[in-house]
Protein backbone atom coordinates (compact mmCIF):
# COMPACT_ATOMS: atom_id res chain seq x y z
CA MET A 1 19.12 16.43 26.57
CA ASP A 2 16.22 18.82 27.24
CA ALA A 3 15.68 19.32 23.53
CA PHE A 4 15.58 15.59 22.90
CA GLY A 5 13.21 15.16 25.84
CA GLU A 6 10.85 17.66 24.25
CA ARG A 7 11.12 15.77 20.98
CA LEU A 8 10.25 12.47 22.70
CA VAL A 9 7.15 14.03 24.23
CA GLY A 10 6.17 15.23 20.76
CA ILE A 11 6.73 11.76 19.31
CA LEU A 12 4.48 10.18 21.93
CA ASN A 13 1.75 12.74 21.28
CA GLU A 14 1.95 12.42 17.50
CA SER A 15 2.02 8.63 17.65
CA SER A 16 -1.10 8.66 19.79
CA LEU A 17 -2.83 11.00 17.35
CA GLY A 18 -2.01 8.59 14.54
CA LEU A 19 -4.03 5.88 16.25
CA MET A 20 -6.90 8.26 16.93
CA ILE A 21 -6.89 9.43 13.30
CA SER A 22 -7.19 5.79 12.25
CA ILE A 23 -10.21 5.36 14.52
CA GLY A 24 -11.77 8.57 13.22
CA TYR A 25 -11.34 7.36 9.65
CA ARG A 26 -12.63 3.83 10.29
CA THR A 27 -15.69 4.93 12.28
CA GLY A 28 -16.64 7.66 9.80
CA LEU A 29 -16.30 10.43 12.38
CA PHE A 30 -14.33 12.67 10.04
CA GLU A 31 -16.89 12.16 7.27
CA THR A 32 -19.66 12.98 9.74
CA MET A 33 -18.04 16.10 11.14
CA LYS A 34 -17.10 17.64 7.80
CA THR A 35 -20.81 18.21 7.07
CA MET A 36 -21.68 19.52 10.56
CA ALA A 37 -21.52 22.98 12.04
CA THR A 38 -20.10 23.42 15.55
CA SER A 39 -21.63 20.56 17.55
CA THR A 40 -21.62 18.81 20.92
CA SER A 41 -20.18 15.34 21.37
CA GLN A 42 -23.72 13.99 21.68
CA GLN A 43 -24.74 15.55 18.39
CA VAL A 44 -21.67 14.14 16.65
CA ALA A 45 -22.28 10.70 18.16
CA ASP A 46 -25.95 10.73 17.16
CA GLU A 47 -25.16 11.77 13.61
CA ALA A 48 -22.46 9.08 13.29
CA GLY A 49 -24.50 6.41 15.06
CA LEU A 50 -21.80 5.86 17.68
CA ASP A 51 -21.49 5.74 21.48
CA GLU A 52 -21.25 9.28 22.92
CA ARG A 53 -18.76 8.46 25.68
CA TYR A 54 -16.21 7.12 23.20
CA VAL A 55 -16.82 9.99 20.79
CA ARG A 56 -16.27 12.51 23.59
CA GLU A 57 -12.92 10.99 24.55
CA TRP A 58 -11.88 10.82 20.91
CA LEU A 59 -12.78 14.51 20.53
CA GLY A 60 -10.54 15.19 23.50
CA ALA A 61 -7.57 13.72 21.65
CA MET A 62 -8.51 15.47 18.41
CA SER A 63 -8.92 18.89 20.03
CA THR A 64 -5.79 18.78 22.23
CA GLY A 65 -3.93 17.58 19.13
CA GLY A 66 -5.08 20.58 17.11
CA ILE A 67 -7.05 18.57 14.57
CA VAL A 68 -10.54 19.52 15.76
CA GLU A 69 -11.41 22.97 17.16
CA VAL A 70 -13.09 23.25 20.58
CA ASP A 71 -14.72 26.29 22.19
CA GLU A 72 -13.86 27.76 25.60
CA THR A 73 -16.53 25.68 27.36
CA GLY A 74 -14.93 22.46 26.09
CA THR A 75 -18.28 21.20 24.80
CA LEU A 76 -18.60 22.45 21.22
CA PHE A 77 -16.46 21.00 18.44
CA ARG A 78 -15.78 21.72 14.77
CA LEU A 79 -13.65 20.06 12.10
CA PRO A 80 -12.04 22.81 9.96
CA ALA A 81 -12.67 22.41 6.25
CA GLU A 82 -8.92 22.57 5.54
CA HIS A 83 -8.38 19.56 7.82
CA ALA A 84 -11.38 17.68 6.45
CA ALA A 85 -9.91 17.98 2.95
CA MET A 86 -7.04 15.68 3.95
CA LEU A 87 -8.96 13.45 6.37
CA THR A 88 -11.91 12.50 4.16
CA GLU A 89 -12.50 11.12 0.68
CA GLY A 90 -13.55 13.33 -2.19
CA GLY A 91 -12.27 16.59 -0.73
CA GLU A 92 -10.12 19.22 -2.42
CA GLY A 93 -6.97 17.78 -0.88
CA GLU A 94 -5.51 14.28 -1.01
CA CYS A 95 -6.94 12.07 1.74
CA MET A 96 -4.16 10.64 3.92
CA ALA A 97 -6.15 9.44 6.93
CA HIS A 98 -6.31 5.88 5.61
CA LEU A 99 -2.53 5.60 6.10
CA ALA A 100 -3.01 6.00 9.85
CA GLN A 101 -4.58 2.53 9.88
CA PHE A 102 -1.06 1.11 9.53
CA ILE A 103 -0.33 2.31 13.08
CA GLY A 104 -2.94 0.00 14.58
CA LEU A 105 -1.99 -2.85 12.25
CA MET A 106 1.64 -2.63 13.28
CA GLY A 107 0.74 -2.41 16.95
CA SER A 108 -1.36 -5.57 16.69
CA VAL A 109 1.73 -7.67 15.89
CA GLU A 110 4.21 -5.88 18.16
CA ASP A 111 4.58 -8.82 20.58
CA LYS A 112 5.24 -11.23 17.70
CA VAL A 113 7.80 -8.92 16.08
CA VAL A 114 9.56 -8.47 19.44
CA GLY A 115 9.83 -12.25 19.55
CA CYS A 116 11.47 -12.18 16.13
CA PHE A 117 14.03 -9.65 17.40
CA GLU A 118 14.96 -12.22 20.05
CA ARG A 119 15.00 -15.43 17.99
CA GLY A 120 14.95 -14.38 14.33
CA GLY A 121 12.41 -15.61 11.81
CA GLY A 122 9.32 -13.65 10.84
CA VAL A 123 5.60 -13.03 11.27
CA PRO A 124 3.49 -14.64 8.51
CA TYR A 125 0.84 -12.98 6.33
CA SER A 126 -1.88 -14.80 8.25
CA GLU A 127 -1.28 -12.54 11.26
CA TYR A 128 -2.36 -9.46 9.25
CA PRO A 129 -6.08 -9.99 8.52
CA ARG A 130 -6.75 -6.36 7.44
CA PHE A 131 -3.53 -5.68 5.60
CA HIS A 132 -4.86 -6.24 2.07
CA GLU A 133 -7.88 -4.07 2.84
CA VAL A 134 -5.69 -1.16 3.93
CA MET A 135 -3.23 -1.65 1.07
CA ALA A 136 -6.15 -1.50 -1.36
CA MET A 137 -7.05 1.90 0.13
CA ASP A 138 -3.45 3.08 -0.30
CA SER A 139 -3.41 1.82 -3.89
CA GLY A 140 -6.67 3.66 -4.42
CA GLN A 141 -4.83 6.92 -3.73
CA SER A 142 -1.46 6.37 -5.45
CA VAL A 143 -2.07 3.88 -8.28
CA ILE A 144 -5.71 3.57 -9.31
CA PRO A 145 -6.52 7.24 -10.14
CA THR A 146 -3.41 7.61 -12.33
CA LEU A 147 -3.03 4.10 -13.71
CA LEU A 148 -4.51 4.68 -17.16
CA ASP A 149 -3.34 8.25 -17.78
CA HIS A 150 0.11 8.32 -16.17
CA ILE A 151 1.45 4.90 -15.11
CA LEU A 152 0.70 2.69 -18.12
CA PRO A 153 1.93 5.38 -20.58
CA LEU A 154 5.40 5.00 -19.03
CA VAL A 155 5.65 2.03 -21.42
CA PRO A 156 5.62 3.39 -25.02
CA GLY A 157 2.89 1.84 -27.16
CA LEU A 158 1.38 -0.12 -24.28
CA THR A 159 -2.04 1.53 -24.27
CA MET A 160 -2.59 0.74 -27.95
CA ALA A 161 -1.41 -2.84 -27.45
CA LEU A 162 -3.86 -3.26 -24.55
CA LYS A 163 -6.67 -1.95 -26.73
CA ASN A 164 -5.79 -4.44 -29.47
CA GLY A 165 -5.48 -7.34 -27.05
CA ILE A 166 -2.52 -8.82 -25.13
CA ARG A 167 -1.98 -11.13 -22.13
CA VAL A 168 -1.23 -9.39 -18.83
CA LEU A 169 -0.10 -10.76 -15.45
CA ASP A 170 -0.11 -8.89 -12.13
CA VAL A 171 2.23 -10.49 -9.56
CA GLY A 172 1.14 -10.08 -5.95
CA CYS A 173 -2.15 -8.54 -7.02
CA GLY A 174 -3.58 -8.03 -3.51
CA ARG A 175 -7.27 -7.20 -3.80
CA GLY A 176 -6.98 -6.80 -7.55
CA LYS A 177 -7.88 -3.12 -7.85
CA ALA A 178 -5.35 -2.36 -10.59
CA LEU A 179 -6.28 -5.45 -12.59
CA SER A 180 -9.96 -4.61 -12.34
CA VAL A 181 -9.36 -1.12 -13.74
CA MET A 182 -7.34 -2.49 -16.65
CA ALA A 183 -9.77 -5.32 -17.40
CA LYS A 184 -12.66 -2.85 -17.62
CA ALA A 185 -10.71 -0.39 -19.79
CA PHE A 186 -9.28 -3.00 -22.18
CA PRO A 187 -11.86 -5.74 -22.85
CA ASN A 188 -9.82 -7.24 -25.71
CA SER A 189 -6.93 -8.09 -23.38
CA GLU A 190 -6.70 -11.02 -20.96
CA PHE A 191 -5.68 -10.38 -17.36
CA VAL A 192 -4.40 -12.79 -14.70
CA GLY A 193 -3.59 -12.06 -11.05
CA TYR A 194 -1.31 -14.15 -8.80
CA GLU A 195 -1.70 -13.75 -5.03
CA LEU A 196 -0.71 -15.80 -1.97
CA SER A 197 -3.41 -14.63 0.45
CA ASP A 198 -6.65 -16.67 0.72
CA GLU A 199 -8.56 -13.60 1.88
CA ALA A 200 -7.35 -11.45 -1.01
CA ILE A 201 -8.06 -14.10 -3.67
CA GLU A 202 -11.58 -14.65 -2.36
CA PHE A 203 -12.24 -10.91 -2.48
CA CYS A 204 -10.78 -10.61 -6.01
CA ARG A 205 -12.90 -13.40 -7.43
CA SER A 206 -16.04 -12.06 -5.82
CA GLU A 207 -15.45 -8.58 -7.27
CA ALA A 208 -14.64 -9.91 -10.75
CA GLU A 209 -17.83 -11.98 -10.75
CA LYS A 210 -19.85 -9.00 -9.54
CA ASP A 211 -18.41 -6.83 -12.33
CA ARG A 212 -18.87 -9.63 -14.91
CA LEU A 213 -15.27 -9.36 -16.05
CA GLU A 214 -14.82 -12.44 -18.21
CA ASN A 215 -11.34 -11.34 -19.29
CA LEU A 216 -10.01 -11.42 -15.71
CA ARG A 217 -9.08 -14.40 -13.53
CA TYR A 218 -7.08 -15.01 -10.38
CA GLU A 219 -4.82 -17.82 -9.19
CA GLN A 220 -3.59 -18.46 -5.68
CA ARG A 221 0.15 -18.91 -6.09
CA ASP A 222 3.07 -19.28 -3.72
CA LEU A 223 5.83 -17.61 -5.71
CA THR A 224 8.73 -18.91 -3.64
CA SER A 225 9.83 -21.18 -6.49
CA PHE A 226 8.47 -19.06 -9.36
CA ASP A 227 11.80 -19.32 -11.15
CA MET A 228 11.14 -23.05 -11.53
CA ASP A 229 7.41 -23.12 -12.30
CA ALA A 230 6.65 -19.86 -14.14
CA PRO A 231 4.89 -20.42 -17.48
CA ALA A 232 7.38 -19.76 -20.29
CA ASP A 233 6.74 -16.90 -22.73
CA ALA A 234 3.14 -16.63 -21.56
CA PHE A 235 2.58 -12.87 -21.11
CA ASP A 236 3.15 -9.70 -23.10
CA PHE A 237 3.06 -7.41 -20.09
CA ILE A 238 3.66 -8.10 -16.38
CA THR A 239 3.11 -5.73 -13.47
CA ALA A 240 4.02 -5.77 -9.79
CA PHE A 241 2.62 -2.97 -7.66
CA ASP A 242 4.40 -2.61 -4.32
CA ALA A 243 4.78 -6.39 -4.12
CA ILE A 244 8.27 -7.64 -4.98
CA HIS A 245 10.01 -6.60 -1.76
CA ASP A 246 7.43 -8.56 0.30
CA GLN A 247 8.29 -11.85 -1.39
CA GLY A 248 10.27 -14.47 0.46
CA ARG A 249 12.58 -14.85 -2.52
CA PRO A 250 12.34 -11.75 -4.73
CA ASP A 251 15.31 -13.07 -6.71
CA ARG A 252 13.35 -16.16 -7.75
CA VAL A 253 10.18 -14.18 -8.41
CA LEU A 254 12.03 -11.80 -10.74
CA LYS A 255 13.64 -14.72 -12.61
CA GLY A 256 10.16 -16.25 -12.96
CA ILE A 257 8.77 -12.98 -14.28
CA ARG A 258 11.52 -12.83 -16.91
CA GLN A 259 10.76 -16.41 -17.91
CA ALA A 260 7.02 -15.68 -18.14
CA LEU A 261 7.58 -12.65 -20.40
CA ARG A 262 7.50 -13.03 -24.14
CA LYS A 263 10.53 -11.86 -26.13
CA GLU A 264 9.30 -8.29 -26.72
CA GLY A 265 7.43 -8.12 -23.41
CA MET A 266 7.73 -5.44 -20.76
CA PHE A 267 7.75 -5.59 -16.95
CA LEU A 268 6.40 -2.59 -14.98
CA MET A 269 7.42 -2.64 -11.32
CA GLN A 270 6.26 -0.14 -8.73
CA ASP A 271 8.28 -0.21 -5.52
CA ILE A 272 9.24 2.08 -2.66
CA GLY A 273 11.32 5.04 -3.77
CA ALA A 274 14.45 5.09 -1.63
CA SER A 275 18.21 4.71 -1.61
CA SER A 276 19.89 1.43 -0.67
CA ASN A 277 22.16 3.55 1.57
CA ILE A 278 20.38 4.33 4.86
CA SER A 279 22.25 7.61 5.29
CA GLU A 280 20.92 8.88 1.96
CA ASN A 281 17.36 8.40 3.24
CA SER A 282 17.83 10.84 6.13
CA GLU A 283 15.82 13.53 4.32
CA HIS A 284 13.16 11.16 3.00
CA PRO A 285 9.79 12.81 3.79
CA ILE A 286 8.29 9.60 5.20
CA GLY A 287 11.44 7.60 5.90
CA PRO A 288 10.64 6.66 9.52
CA LEU A 289 7.15 5.49 8.54
CA LEU A 290 8.45 3.34 5.68
CA TYR A 291 11.26 1.74 7.69
CA THR A 292 8.78 0.99 10.47
CA LEU A 293 6.26 -0.53 8.05
CA SER A 294 9.10 -2.59 6.63
CA CYS A 295 10.22 -3.86 10.03
CA MET A 296 6.68 -4.58 11.21
CA HIS A 297 5.36 -6.09 7.97
CA CYS A 298 7.32 -6.18 4.69
CA MET A 299 10.61 -7.56 5.99
CA THR A 300 9.11 -9.89 8.58
CA VAL A 301 6.54 -11.54 6.28
CA SER A 302 9.41 -12.27 3.88
CA LEU A 303 11.53 -13.77 6.66
CA ALA A 304 8.56 -15.91 7.75
CA GLN A 305 8.71 -17.77 4.43
CA PRO A 306 11.14 -20.67 3.84
CA GLY A 307 14.52 -19.19 2.95
CA GLY A 308 13.08 -15.68 3.02
CA LEU A 309 15.63 -12.95 2.25
CA GLY A 310 13.82 -10.13 4.04
CA VAL A 311 15.07 -7.35 1.73
CA GLY A 312 12.50 -4.97 3.23
CA ALA A 313 10.49 -2.14 1.74
CA MET A 314 13.47 0.22 1.82
CA TRP A 315 15.82 -2.02 -0.17
CA GLY A 316 16.35 0.94 -2.46
CA GLU A 317 17.13 1.62 -6.10
CA ALA A 318 20.65 0.16 -6.24
CA LEU A 319 19.66 -3.19 -4.73
CA THR A 320 16.49 -3.32 -6.83
CA LYS A 321 18.50 -2.85 -10.02
CA GLU A 322 21.03 -5.45 -8.84
CA PHE A 323 18.24 -8.01 -8.36
CA LEU A 324 16.80 -7.18 -11.78
CA ALA A 325 20.20 -7.58 -13.44
CA ASN A 326 20.84 -10.88 -11.65
CA ALA A 327 17.44 -12.09 -12.88
CA GLY A 328 18.70 -11.56 -16.43
CA PHE A 329 16.79 -8.44 -17.39
CA GLY A 330 18.33 -6.04 -19.90
CA LYS A 331 17.41 -2.39 -19.92
CA VAL A 332 15.95 -0.87 -16.72
CA ASP A 333 14.56 2.67 -16.52
CA ARG A 334 13.45 4.26 -13.27
CA HIS A 335 10.63 6.85 -13.30
CA THR A 336 8.93 9.11 -10.77
CA LEU A 337 5.47 10.66 -10.91
CA ASP A 338 4.65 14.10 -9.52
CA HIS A 339 1.68 12.88 -7.48
CA ASP A 340 3.60 10.07 -5.75
CA ILE A 341 6.29 10.88 -3.16
CA GLN A 342 6.48 7.25 -2.02
CA ASN A 343 7.26 5.14 -5.08
CA TYR A 344 9.56 4.57 -8.03
CA TYR A 345 8.26 3.03 -11.26
CA TYR A 346 10.68 0.74 -13.08
CA THR A 347 10.10 -0.17 -16.74
CA VAL A 348 12.09 -3.29 -17.50
CA GLN A 349 12.84 -5.01 -20.79
CA LYS A 350 13.65 -8.68 -21.15
C-alpha cells in the first residue's frame, strides 16, 4: 500500500508537469529559455513578452519537477541544453513537448466524457477546437519528415508512379500536411483530401491557395456511408494517416476505400501500433497515454456519430486486419519504421 501511495503521488506530480510543459511550449517559454543564460523570472518574462507573475509560478513547477535548474536563492533559472533539445523545435533531439498539449485538450472535455460514462454516447468533433492543430504538430514529427524518403517507399514503384502522374486520395486528411508535401513533390499527380471538420477544411484550402498548388483540392465529406457513395475506381493510391480508427463506421470507410481504388491500386494506412489484446500492451512504452487519448477523443468522437462503433485508437493489429479483410482487401503487409514507436504502416492491395 505504501509503495502504491508513493506511485500515486508521482502520478499526480507528473500529470501536473505535463500540463505545465504544454503551457511552456505554447507560450514559447522553452524557446526563449534555450537561448538565455541563467536568468531571473523577470528577465525570462521580459524576453518572452509574458507576465512575470505567471512565469515565476511556472518556473516553480519546472524547477521542482527537475526540468529547469534553479540556484540556491530560488531566483535564478536555467534550462539545460539537454532538456531544451527535447522541448523545442530544431534541436539535436526529437521535440516531444507538443504532445503535452493533449493533456489540456483531454481535460477540457472531462465533464462531457464523464457524462458519456454515465449514459453512453460520445463527444463530437466540434468540442475539440484545437485538436487538428495539435495533430498537425504530431504529424509534423512522425509523418512529414519521413514521408518521401521512408513512408511512401514502403509501396514498391510508388515514387516513380507519383512522378509520372497518378490520382491520390487522403482520407481524413486533417490539416492536409501530408497532402501538401506530396503535391509539392509530385506536380504531375492529382491529390484530393476528404475531411469532416469545417475548421480543418478551411485551413487546408487556405494553405493550398497560399502555396498555389493547383494539383491539390479538398472536399468536406462525412464518410459514415462511404461504402455507398465512394467514387468507383477513381484513385490509384489512397492514404489514411492516423484516421481510420476515429471514424464512426471504419468498416464502411474501408469498404468505400476499396471501391474507390482502381484494380492495381494500393492503400497505405498508418494507425496506432498495438495489440488487440490489452494484456499484450502492458509493456507498450506509451500505452497509458494512447488508451487515455482513445477514451477522451478517438473512441468518443466515433461513438458520437450515428451508429458509431467506437473501435478506439488501440484497436490493434488483429482487429485492424479483420476489418480490412471484411472490407474485401486481399494482401495486407504491416510495417514499422525505426523513428516511430507509436504507429504501424499497413500496405494493402485490392
